[in-house]
Protein backbone atom coordinates (compact mmCIF):
# COMPACT_ATOMS: atom_id res chain seq x y z
CA MET A 1 12.95 -2.79 -0.25
CA ASN A 2 12.35 -4.39 -3.60
CA GLY A 3 9.56 -4.59 -6.15
CA HIS A 4 8.96 -8.28 -5.61
CA THR A 5 5.77 -8.83 -3.71
CA THR A 6 6.27 -12.40 -2.47
CA TYR A 7 9.06 -11.39 -0.10
CA THR A 8 10.54 -8.42 1.71
CA SER A 9 14.24 -7.90 2.35
CA ALA A 10 15.62 -5.05 4.46
CA GLY A 11 18.62 -4.16 6.62
CA SER A 12 22.13 -5.49 6.22
CA GLY A 13 24.45 -7.88 7.98
CA GLU A 14 23.90 -11.56 8.76
CA THR A 15 20.52 -12.88 7.61
CA ILE A 16 17.42 -13.85 9.60
CA VAL A 17 14.61 -15.36 7.52
CA PHE A 18 10.99 -15.30 8.73
CA LEU A 19 8.32 -17.81 7.72
CA HIS A 20 4.69 -17.08 8.63
CA GLY A 21 2.06 -19.52 9.84
CA PHE A 22 -1.11 -21.00 8.34
CA CYS A 23 -3.44 -18.44 6.69
CA GLU A 24 -0.91 -15.70 7.46
CA SER A 25 1.53 -13.82 5.23
CA LYS A 26 4.86 -12.01 5.42
CA GLU A 27 2.83 -9.03 6.71
CA VAL A 28 2.68 -10.50 10.22
CA TRP A 29 6.42 -9.79 10.53
CA THR A 30 6.45 -6.20 9.16
CA ASN A 31 6.58 -4.27 12.45
CA PHE A 32 8.29 -7.07 14.35
CA THR A 33 11.38 -7.09 12.14
CA LYS A 34 11.96 -3.34 11.77
CA PRO A 35 14.15 -2.84 14.89
CA LEU A 36 16.17 -5.97 13.97
CA GLN A 37 17.13 -4.39 10.65
CA GLN A 38 19.60 -2.09 12.41
CA LYS A 39 21.83 -5.15 13.00
CA PHE A 40 20.68 -7.84 10.59
CA ARG A 41 19.29 -8.41 7.14
CA THR A 42 15.72 -9.62 7.58
CA ILE A 43 13.83 -11.50 4.89
CA ALA A 44 10.15 -12.42 5.19
CA LEU A 45 8.66 -14.77 2.60
CA ASP A 46 5.11 -15.53 1.53
CA LEU A 47 4.94 -19.32 1.58
CA PRO A 48 3.38 -21.07 -1.44
CA GLY A 49 -0.38 -20.48 -1.48
CA PHE A 50 -0.37 -17.57 0.96
CA GLY A 51 -0.08 -13.79 0.94
CA GLU A 52 0.83 -12.68 -2.55
CA ASN A 53 2.30 -16.06 -3.50
CA THR A 54 -0.87 -17.70 -4.80
CA GLN A 55 -0.16 -18.30 -8.50
CA GLY A 56 0.05 -21.88 -9.79
CA ILE A 57 0.79 -23.70 -6.55
CA ALA A 58 1.00 -27.44 -7.14
CA ASP A 59 2.55 -28.59 -3.86
CA TYR A 60 1.42 -27.52 -0.38
CA SER A 61 3.51 -30.13 1.45
CA MET A 62 6.00 -28.99 4.08
CA GLU A 63 8.79 -30.50 1.95
CA GLY A 64 7.56 -28.66 -1.15
CA MET A 65 7.45 -25.41 0.79
CA ALA A 66 10.96 -26.07 2.13
CA ASP A 67 12.19 -26.51 -1.46
CA TYR A 68 10.55 -23.20 -2.34
CA VAL A 69 12.31 -21.48 0.59
CA LYS A 70 15.67 -22.91 -0.50
CA ALA A 71 15.17 -21.73 -4.11
CA LYS A 72 14.13 -18.27 -2.92
CA LEU A 73 17.13 -17.95 -0.60
CA GLU A 74 19.48 -18.95 -3.40
CA GLU A 75 17.85 -16.32 -5.60
CA LEU A 76 18.42 -13.77 -2.81
CA ASN A 77 22.03 -14.89 -2.49
CA VAL A 78 21.63 -16.21 1.07
CA LYS A 79 24.18 -18.94 1.79
CA LYS A 80 23.39 -19.30 5.51
CA CYS A 81 20.77 -17.88 7.82
CA ILE A 82 18.84 -18.17 11.03
CA LEU A 83 15.41 -19.47 10.07
CA VAL A 84 12.43 -18.37 12.19
CA GLY A 85 9.21 -20.30 11.65
CA HIS A 86 5.89 -19.38 13.21
CA SER A 87 3.43 -22.27 13.61
CA MET A 88 3.11 -23.86 10.12
CA GLY A 89 6.25 -21.89 9.17
CA GLY A 90 7.99 -23.89 11.90
CA TYR A 91 6.86 -27.14 10.29
CA VAL A 92 8.34 -25.87 7.02
CA SER A 93 11.53 -24.91 8.91
CA MET A 94 11.80 -28.46 10.25
CA ALA A 95 11.46 -29.89 6.72
CA PHE A 96 14.09 -27.37 5.59
CA ALA A 97 16.41 -28.38 8.45
CA GLU A 98 16.08 -32.03 7.46
CA LYS A 99 16.93 -31.37 3.80
CA TYR A 100 19.24 -28.34 3.88
CA SER A 101 20.82 -28.19 7.33
CA SER A 102 24.10 -26.82 5.93
CA MET A 103 22.27 -23.55 5.15
CA LEU A 104 21.29 -23.02 8.79
CA SER A 105 23.25 -21.03 11.36
CA GLY A 106 20.33 -21.40 13.75
CA LEU A 107 16.63 -22.24 13.92
CA CYS A 108 13.78 -20.71 15.91
CA LEU A 109 10.52 -22.58 16.43
CA PHE A 110 8.18 -19.70 17.19
CA HIS A 111 5.03 -21.24 18.71
CA SER A 112 5.71 -24.36 16.68
CA SER A 113 6.69 -27.99 16.97
CA ALA A 114 8.70 -30.84 15.45
CA LEU A 115 6.01 -33.33 16.53
CA PRO A 116 3.41 -34.69 14.11
CA ASP A 117 -0.33 -34.17 14.52
CA THR A 118 -2.03 -36.45 17.04
CA ASP A 119 -4.87 -38.61 15.72
CA GLU A 120 -7.32 -36.21 17.32
CA LYS A 121 -5.70 -33.24 15.61
CA LYS A 122 -5.69 -35.05 12.25
CA ASP A 123 -9.38 -35.68 12.72
CA ASN A 124 -9.92 -31.97 13.46
CA ARG A 125 -7.98 -30.99 10.32
CA ASN A 126 -10.28 -33.23 8.25
CA LYS A 127 -13.37 -31.68 9.81
CA THR A 128 -11.96 -28.19 9.12
CA ILE A 129 -11.29 -29.10 5.47
CA GLU A 130 -14.93 -30.24 5.18
CA PHE A 131 -16.13 -27.03 6.84
CA VAL A 132 -14.11 -24.80 4.50
CA GLU A 133 -15.25 -26.76 1.43
CA LYS A 134 -18.85 -26.33 2.52
CA HIS A 135 -18.96 -22.82 4.06
CA GLY A 136 -15.95 -21.03 2.55
CA VAL A 137 -12.89 -19.26 3.91
CA GLU A 138 -14.60 -16.15 5.29
CA LYS A 139 -16.88 -18.15 7.58
CA PHE A 140 -13.91 -20.21 8.80
CA MET A 141 -11.94 -17.06 9.67
CA GLN A 142 -14.75 -15.81 11.92
CA SER A 143 -13.98 -18.57 14.41
CA PHE A 144 -10.32 -19.33 13.62
CA ILE A 145 -8.40 -16.13 14.39
CA GLU A 146 -9.44 -14.90 17.85
CA PRO A 147 -8.66 -18.12 19.75
CA LEU A 148 -5.04 -17.86 18.55
CA PHE A 149 -4.69 -14.94 20.99
CA TYR A 150 -4.87 -15.42 24.76
CA SER A 151 -8.32 -14.25 25.91
CA GLU A 152 -6.99 -11.43 28.11
CA ASN A 153 -5.01 -9.96 25.19
CA ARG A 154 -7.83 -9.77 22.65
CA ASP A 155 -9.27 -6.41 23.62
CA LYS A 156 -5.99 -4.55 23.34
CA LEU A 157 -5.01 -6.33 20.13
CA LYS A 158 -8.16 -5.66 18.09
CA LYS A 159 -6.09 -4.06 15.31
CA GLU A 160 -3.80 -7.09 15.06
CA ILE A 161 -6.76 -9.48 15.09
CA ALA A 162 -8.36 -7.43 12.30
CA LEU A 163 -5.11 -7.64 10.30
CA MET A 164 -5.00 -11.42 10.75
CA LYS A 165 -8.62 -11.71 9.59
CA LYS A 166 -7.90 -9.52 6.57
CA ILE A 167 -4.95 -11.72 5.57
CA GLY A 168 -6.95 -14.85 6.32
CA VAL A 169 -10.02 -14.06 4.23
CA SER A 170 -7.87 -13.22 1.20
CA THR A 171 -6.33 -16.73 1.29
CA PRO A 172 -7.60 -18.90 -1.59
CA LYS A 173 -9.80 -21.82 -0.54
CA GLU A 174 -7.43 -24.37 -2.14
CA SER A 175 -4.52 -22.94 -0.11
CA VAL A 176 -6.53 -23.30 3.10
CA THR A 177 -7.54 -26.90 2.40
CA GLY A 178 -4.14 -27.74 0.88
CA GLY A 179 -2.33 -26.30 3.89
CA LEU A 180 -4.56 -28.18 6.32
CA ALA A 181 -3.94 -31.49 4.54
CA ALA A 182 -0.19 -30.83 4.41
CA MET A 183 -0.03 -30.06 8.14
CA ARG A 184 -2.10 -33.18 8.88
CA ASP A 185 0.26 -35.37 6.85
CA ARG A 186 3.60 -34.01 8.06
CA PRO A 187 5.88 -36.57 9.75
CA ASP A 188 7.51 -36.55 13.17
CA ARG A 189 10.74 -34.55 12.87
CA THR A 190 11.99 -34.72 16.45
CA HIS A 191 14.99 -36.71 15.12
CA VAL A 192 15.99 -33.57 13.19
CA LEU A 193 16.08 -31.58 16.44
CA ALA A 194 18.09 -34.33 18.14
CA ALA A 195 20.65 -34.32 15.30
CA ALA A 196 20.82 -30.51 14.93
CA LYS A 197 24.36 -29.15 14.57
CA PHE A 198 23.03 -25.59 14.97
CA PRO A 199 21.48 -23.85 18.00
CA VAL A 200 17.69 -23.92 18.34
CA LEU A 201 15.53 -21.29 20.03
CA PHE A 202 12.06 -22.33 21.18
CA ILE A 203 9.44 -19.68 21.95
CA PHE A 204 6.26 -20.97 23.58
CA GLY A 205 3.11 -19.32 24.90
CA LYS A 206 1.87 -20.86 28.14
CA GLU A 207 -1.73 -20.32 26.98
CA ASP A 208 -1.17 -21.63 23.45
CA GLY A 209 -3.91 -24.10 22.52
CA ALA A 210 -2.07 -25.07 19.32
CA VAL A 211 1.22 -26.08 21.00
CA PRO A 212 0.35 -27.26 24.53
CA LEU A 213 2.99 -27.06 27.26
CA ASP A 214 3.46 -30.82 27.60
CA LYS A 215 4.26 -31.03 23.87
CA ALA A 216 6.67 -28.11 24.23
CA LEU A 217 8.50 -29.86 27.07
CA GLU A 218 8.71 -33.08 25.05
CA GLN A 219 11.03 -31.53 22.48
CA CYS A 220 12.89 -28.50 23.82
CA HIS A 221 15.66 -30.60 25.41
CA LEU A 222 16.40 -32.56 22.22
CA PRO A 223 18.96 -30.32 20.46
CA ASP A 224 22.54 -30.24 21.75
CA ASN A 225 22.25 -26.48 22.07
CA SER A 226 18.86 -24.96 22.77
CA MET A 227 17.42 -21.84 24.34
CA VAL A 228 13.83 -21.97 25.55
CA TYR A 229 11.49 -19.11 26.32
CA PHE A 230 8.11 -19.73 27.97
CA LEU A 231 5.76 -16.74 28.02
CA GLY A 232 2.90 -16.43 30.49
CA LYS A 233 -0.44 -14.89 29.43
CA THR A 234 0.50 -15.56 25.83
CA GLY A 235 -1.32 -17.63 23.23
CA HIS A 236 -0.10 -18.56 19.77
CA MET A 237 0.77 -15.08 18.47
CA GLY A 238 3.84 -13.89 20.40
CA MET A 239 4.91 -11.46 17.67
CA PHE A 240 1.78 -9.45 18.55
CA GLU A 241 1.05 -10.52 22.13
CA ARG A 242 4.60 -10.11 23.44
CA THR A 243 6.40 -8.21 20.69
CA TYR A 244 9.19 -6.75 22.79
CA GLU A 245 10.04 -9.95 24.68
CA THR A 246 9.98 -12.26 21.67
CA ARG A 247 11.99 -9.85 19.55
CA LYS A 248 14.59 -9.44 22.32
CA ALA A 249 14.85 -13.22 22.74
CA LEU A 250 15.44 -13.59 19.02
CA GLU A 251 17.94 -10.74 18.94
CA LYS A 252 19.91 -12.27 21.80
CA PHE A 253 19.82 -15.66 20.08
CA ALA A 254 21.12 -14.13 16.83
CA GLU A 255 23.87 -12.23 18.65
CA THR A 256 24.95 -15.44 20.40
CA ILE A 257 25.31 -17.10 16.99
CA TYR A 258 26.67 -14.22 14.94
CA GLY A 259 28.65 -12.48 17.67
């Protein structure tokens, strides 16, 4: 490990890079990535505005975050990698794939999507921005985190839900509102999936309110080479709800690419 707090890097071998979702941090990947480090180098980044990466952020757009990821990977001497993006991290991954596809050996959309927000979802983002401006981040987190987990999993994942809330409440208000606006304004990137020269792994939860099944089915056939994993009794947080299965799927995907 290193002294830099905005990323972690461990293990050796070919590189898998992990991007967290909205109001999350690199911490969500800590336990998930440990077993992978026996075969691969794993890097988890704090995206601009989140985790410990909250100083002087001017650009919360998915493209701006993708530029940040590219600069960070160059700094870490990563020429090519598999990029794993959870939720908002997947939107950043899609922007990255559009701009810097030559750096990708593979891409995993982990409870994420290449589709833009629907009008209804845009409207909800605006209402959430208003709510956060008015009531603050802590109040927002009280209702935001639990529904990300499938109802039947919440009791046994109290510790993980508490971790998510802890990360969430420490997120600056401008990062929350900036992130919401950036997600609202992101374009349709299904054409990037259709043009992908690298394999794509999709991981979906069947009970995920954020990425409904019909939206999942709309895009998973687009790449030339894709693997798709649908998980029953799983919401939006597969790294906690189905740690073993999602990690194994990712490991198999990486081994298929890296041999």
